[in-house]
N, C-alpha and C. Protein backbone atom coordinates (compact mmCIF):
# COMPACT_ATOMS: atom_id res chain seq x y z
N MET A 1 -186.42 78.97 180.50
CA MET A 1 -185.86 78.56 179.22
C MET A 1 -184.57 79.34 178.98
N VAL A 2 -183.61 78.66 178.40
CA VAL A 2 -182.35 79.28 178.01
C VAL A 2 -182.12 78.94 176.55
N ASP A 3 -181.92 79.96 175.74
CA ASP A 3 -181.73 79.77 174.30
C ASP A 3 -182.86 78.95 173.69
N GLY A 4 -184.09 79.19 174.16
CA GLY A 4 -185.25 78.51 173.63
C GLY A 4 -185.42 77.07 174.08
N LYS A 5 -184.57 76.62 175.00
CA LYS A 5 -184.65 75.24 175.48
C LYS A 5 -185.02 75.23 176.96
N LYS A 6 -185.84 74.26 177.34
CA LYS A 6 -186.26 74.12 178.72
C LYS A 6 -185.07 73.71 179.59
N THR A 7 -184.97 74.32 180.76
CA THR A 7 -183.91 73.97 181.70
C THR A 7 -184.49 73.11 182.82
N GLU A 8 -183.62 72.65 183.71
CA GLU A 8 -184.07 71.85 184.85
C GLU A 8 -184.64 72.72 185.96
N GLU A 9 -184.42 74.03 185.88
CA GLU A 9 -184.88 74.94 186.93
C GLU A 9 -186.40 75.08 186.90
N GLU A 10 -186.97 75.09 188.09
CA GLU A 10 -188.40 75.34 188.22
C GLU A 10 -188.59 76.43 189.26
N TYR A 11 -189.53 77.32 189.02
CA TYR A 11 -189.81 78.41 189.94
C TYR A 11 -191.28 78.39 190.32
N GLU A 12 -191.53 78.75 191.54
CA GLU A 12 -192.90 78.81 192.02
C GLU A 12 -193.30 80.27 192.20
N PHE A 13 -194.43 80.64 191.63
CA PHE A 13 -194.94 81.99 191.76
C PHE A 13 -196.18 81.96 192.65
N ASN A 14 -196.30 82.97 193.49
CA ASN A 14 -197.45 83.07 194.38
C ASN A 14 -198.07 84.44 194.24
N LEU A 15 -199.39 84.49 194.22
CA LEU A 15 -200.11 85.75 194.18
C LEU A 15 -200.39 86.18 195.62
N GLU A 16 -199.75 87.28 196.03
CA GLU A 16 -199.91 87.78 197.39
C GLU A 16 -200.35 89.23 197.33
N ASP A 17 -201.47 89.52 197.93
CA ASP A 17 -201.99 90.89 197.96
C ASP A 17 -202.02 91.53 196.58
N GLY A 18 -202.42 90.75 195.58
CA GLY A 18 -202.56 91.27 194.22
C GLY A 18 -201.25 91.39 193.46
N GLN A 19 -200.14 90.90 194.02
CA GLN A 19 -198.84 90.97 193.34
C GLN A 19 -198.27 89.56 193.21
N TRP A 20 -197.67 89.30 192.04
CA TRP A 20 -197.01 88.02 191.83
C TRP A 20 -195.63 88.07 192.45
N LYS A 21 -195.30 87.04 193.21
CA LYS A 21 -193.99 86.94 193.84
C LYS A 21 -193.40 85.58 193.50
N ILE A 22 -192.07 85.55 193.46
CA ILE A 22 -191.36 84.33 193.12
C ILE A 22 -190.66 83.80 194.36
N ASP A 23 -190.67 82.50 194.53
CA ASP A 23 -189.99 81.86 195.64
C ASP A 23 -188.58 81.49 195.18
N ILE A 24 -187.57 82.21 195.68
CA ILE A 24 -186.20 81.95 195.25
C ILE A 24 -185.45 81.01 196.20
N THR A 25 -186.13 80.51 197.22
CA THR A 25 -185.49 79.64 198.20
C THR A 25 -184.78 78.45 197.55
N PRO A 26 -185.43 77.71 196.64
CA PRO A 26 -184.72 76.58 196.02
C PRO A 26 -183.47 77.02 195.24
N SER A 27 -183.53 78.18 194.61
CA SER A 27 -182.38 78.68 193.87
C SER A 27 -181.23 79.02 194.80
N MET A 28 -181.54 79.52 195.99
CA MET A 28 -180.50 79.89 196.94
C MET A 28 -179.75 78.65 197.43
N ALA A 29 -180.45 77.56 197.64
CA ALA A 29 -179.80 76.33 198.08
C ALA A 29 -178.82 75.84 197.01
N LYS A 30 -179.23 75.91 195.76
CA LYS A 30 -178.35 75.49 194.66
C LYS A 30 -177.16 76.44 194.55
N ALA A 31 -177.40 77.73 194.69
CA ALA A 31 -176.32 78.71 194.62
C ALA A 31 -175.30 78.48 195.73
N GLU A 32 -175.79 78.11 196.92
CA GLU A 32 -174.88 77.84 198.03
C GLU A 32 -173.96 76.66 197.71
N LEU A 33 -174.51 75.61 197.13
CA LEU A 33 -173.70 74.44 196.76
C LEU A 33 -172.67 74.81 195.69
N GLU A 34 -173.09 75.62 194.72
CA GLU A 34 -172.18 76.03 193.66
C GLU A 34 -171.05 76.89 194.21
N MET A 35 -171.38 77.77 195.17
CA MET A 35 -170.34 78.62 195.77
C MET A 35 -169.36 77.78 196.59
N LYS A 36 -169.86 76.76 197.28
CA LYS A 36 -168.97 75.88 198.03
C LYS A 36 -168.01 75.17 197.09
N ASP A 37 -168.50 74.75 195.93
CA ASP A 37 -167.64 74.12 194.93
C ASP A 37 -166.58 75.10 194.44
N MET A 38 -166.99 76.36 194.23
CA MET A 38 -166.06 77.38 193.77
C MET A 38 -164.99 77.68 194.81
N LEU A 39 -165.36 77.57 196.09
CA LEU A 39 -164.44 77.87 197.19
C LEU A 39 -163.39 76.78 197.40
N GLU A 40 -163.65 75.60 196.90
CA GLU A 40 -162.76 74.47 197.17
C GLU A 40 -161.31 74.80 196.81
N GLY A 41 -160.42 74.59 197.77
CA GLY A 41 -159.01 74.85 197.56
C GLY A 41 -158.61 76.28 197.85
N GLN A 42 -159.55 77.15 198.22
CA GLN A 42 -159.27 78.54 198.52
C GLN A 42 -159.78 78.85 199.92
N ASP A 43 -159.14 79.82 200.56
CA ASP A 43 -159.74 80.28 201.80
C ASP A 43 -160.73 81.40 201.44
N GLU A 44 -161.49 81.86 202.42
CA GLU A 44 -162.53 82.85 202.15
C GLU A 44 -161.97 84.13 201.56
N ASN A 45 -160.82 84.58 202.06
CA ASN A 45 -160.25 85.83 201.57
C ASN A 45 -159.84 85.71 200.10
N GLU A 46 -159.22 84.60 199.73
CA GLU A 46 -158.84 84.39 198.33
C GLU A 46 -160.08 84.40 197.45
N PHE A 47 -161.15 83.77 197.92
CA PHE A 47 -162.39 83.73 197.15
C PHE A 47 -162.96 85.13 196.98
N ILE A 48 -163.01 85.89 198.07
CA ILE A 48 -163.56 87.26 198.00
C ILE A 48 -162.73 88.12 197.05
N PHE A 49 -161.40 88.04 197.17
CA PHE A 49 -160.55 88.83 196.29
C PHE A 49 -160.74 88.42 194.83
N GLY A 50 -160.85 87.13 194.58
CA GLY A 50 -161.06 86.64 193.22
C GLY A 50 -162.38 87.12 192.64
N MET A 51 -163.43 87.07 193.44
CA MET A 51 -164.75 87.53 192.97
C MET A 51 -164.75 89.04 192.71
N LEU A 52 -164.11 89.81 193.59
CA LEU A 52 -164.02 91.26 193.39
C LEU A 52 -163.26 91.59 192.11
N GLU A 53 -162.18 90.87 191.87
CA GLU A 53 -161.41 91.10 190.65
C GLU A 53 -162.22 90.71 189.41
N LEU A 54 -162.93 89.62 189.50
CA LEU A 54 -163.76 89.17 188.38
C LEU A 54 -164.84 90.20 188.06
N MET A 55 -165.47 90.75 189.09
CA MET A 55 -166.57 91.70 188.89
C MET A 55 -166.09 93.09 188.48
N SER A 56 -164.95 93.53 189.03
CA SER A 56 -164.51 94.90 188.79
C SER A 56 -163.45 95.02 187.69
N GLY A 57 -162.76 93.92 187.42
CA GLY A 57 -161.66 93.97 186.45
C GLY A 57 -160.39 94.54 187.06
N LYS A 58 -160.41 94.80 188.38
CA LYS A 58 -159.25 95.36 189.06
C LYS A 58 -158.84 94.42 190.19
N THR A 59 -157.52 94.34 190.43
CA THR A 59 -157.03 93.52 191.53
C THR A 59 -157.20 94.29 192.83
N PRO A 60 -158.00 93.78 193.76
CA PRO A 60 -158.18 94.48 195.03
C PRO A 60 -156.94 94.35 195.91
N THR A 61 -156.81 95.30 196.83
CA THR A 61 -155.72 95.24 197.80
C THR A 61 -156.33 95.04 199.19
N HIS A 62 -155.48 94.84 200.15
CA HIS A 62 -155.97 94.64 201.52
C HIS A 62 -156.59 95.90 202.10
N SER A 63 -156.49 97.01 201.39
CA SER A 63 -157.10 98.25 201.88
C SER A 63 -158.62 98.19 201.86
N ILE A 64 -159.20 97.12 201.24
CA ILE A 64 -160.66 96.99 201.23
C ILE A 64 -161.22 96.67 202.61
N TRP A 65 -160.38 96.12 203.49
CA TRP A 65 -160.85 95.72 204.81
C TRP A 65 -160.92 96.93 205.72
N LYS A 66 -162.00 97.05 206.42
CA LYS A 66 -162.17 98.12 207.39
C LYS A 66 -161.96 97.51 208.78
N LYS A 67 -161.07 98.08 209.54
CA LYS A 67 -160.77 97.54 210.86
C LYS A 67 -161.94 97.79 211.79
N ILE A 68 -162.26 96.79 212.60
CA ILE A 68 -163.32 96.91 213.59
C ILE A 68 -162.70 97.50 214.84
N LYS A 69 -163.33 98.54 215.36
CA LYS A 69 -162.80 99.19 216.57
C LYS A 69 -163.49 98.69 217.79
């Protein structure tokens, strides 16, 4: 529920070894589609830089890349 209203999302819970666990597999498939939509028109580096800036509030530089030896 979001804001007291039912959403289209459904989750499956399983009791395993006395612990409740949630199956997030369906959510991951939806997240992948949403990320592909977000990527449209950008290359991977532009997307990564944009997400880092969104999360940190700072513009990243190319110094974030670590060279592989």
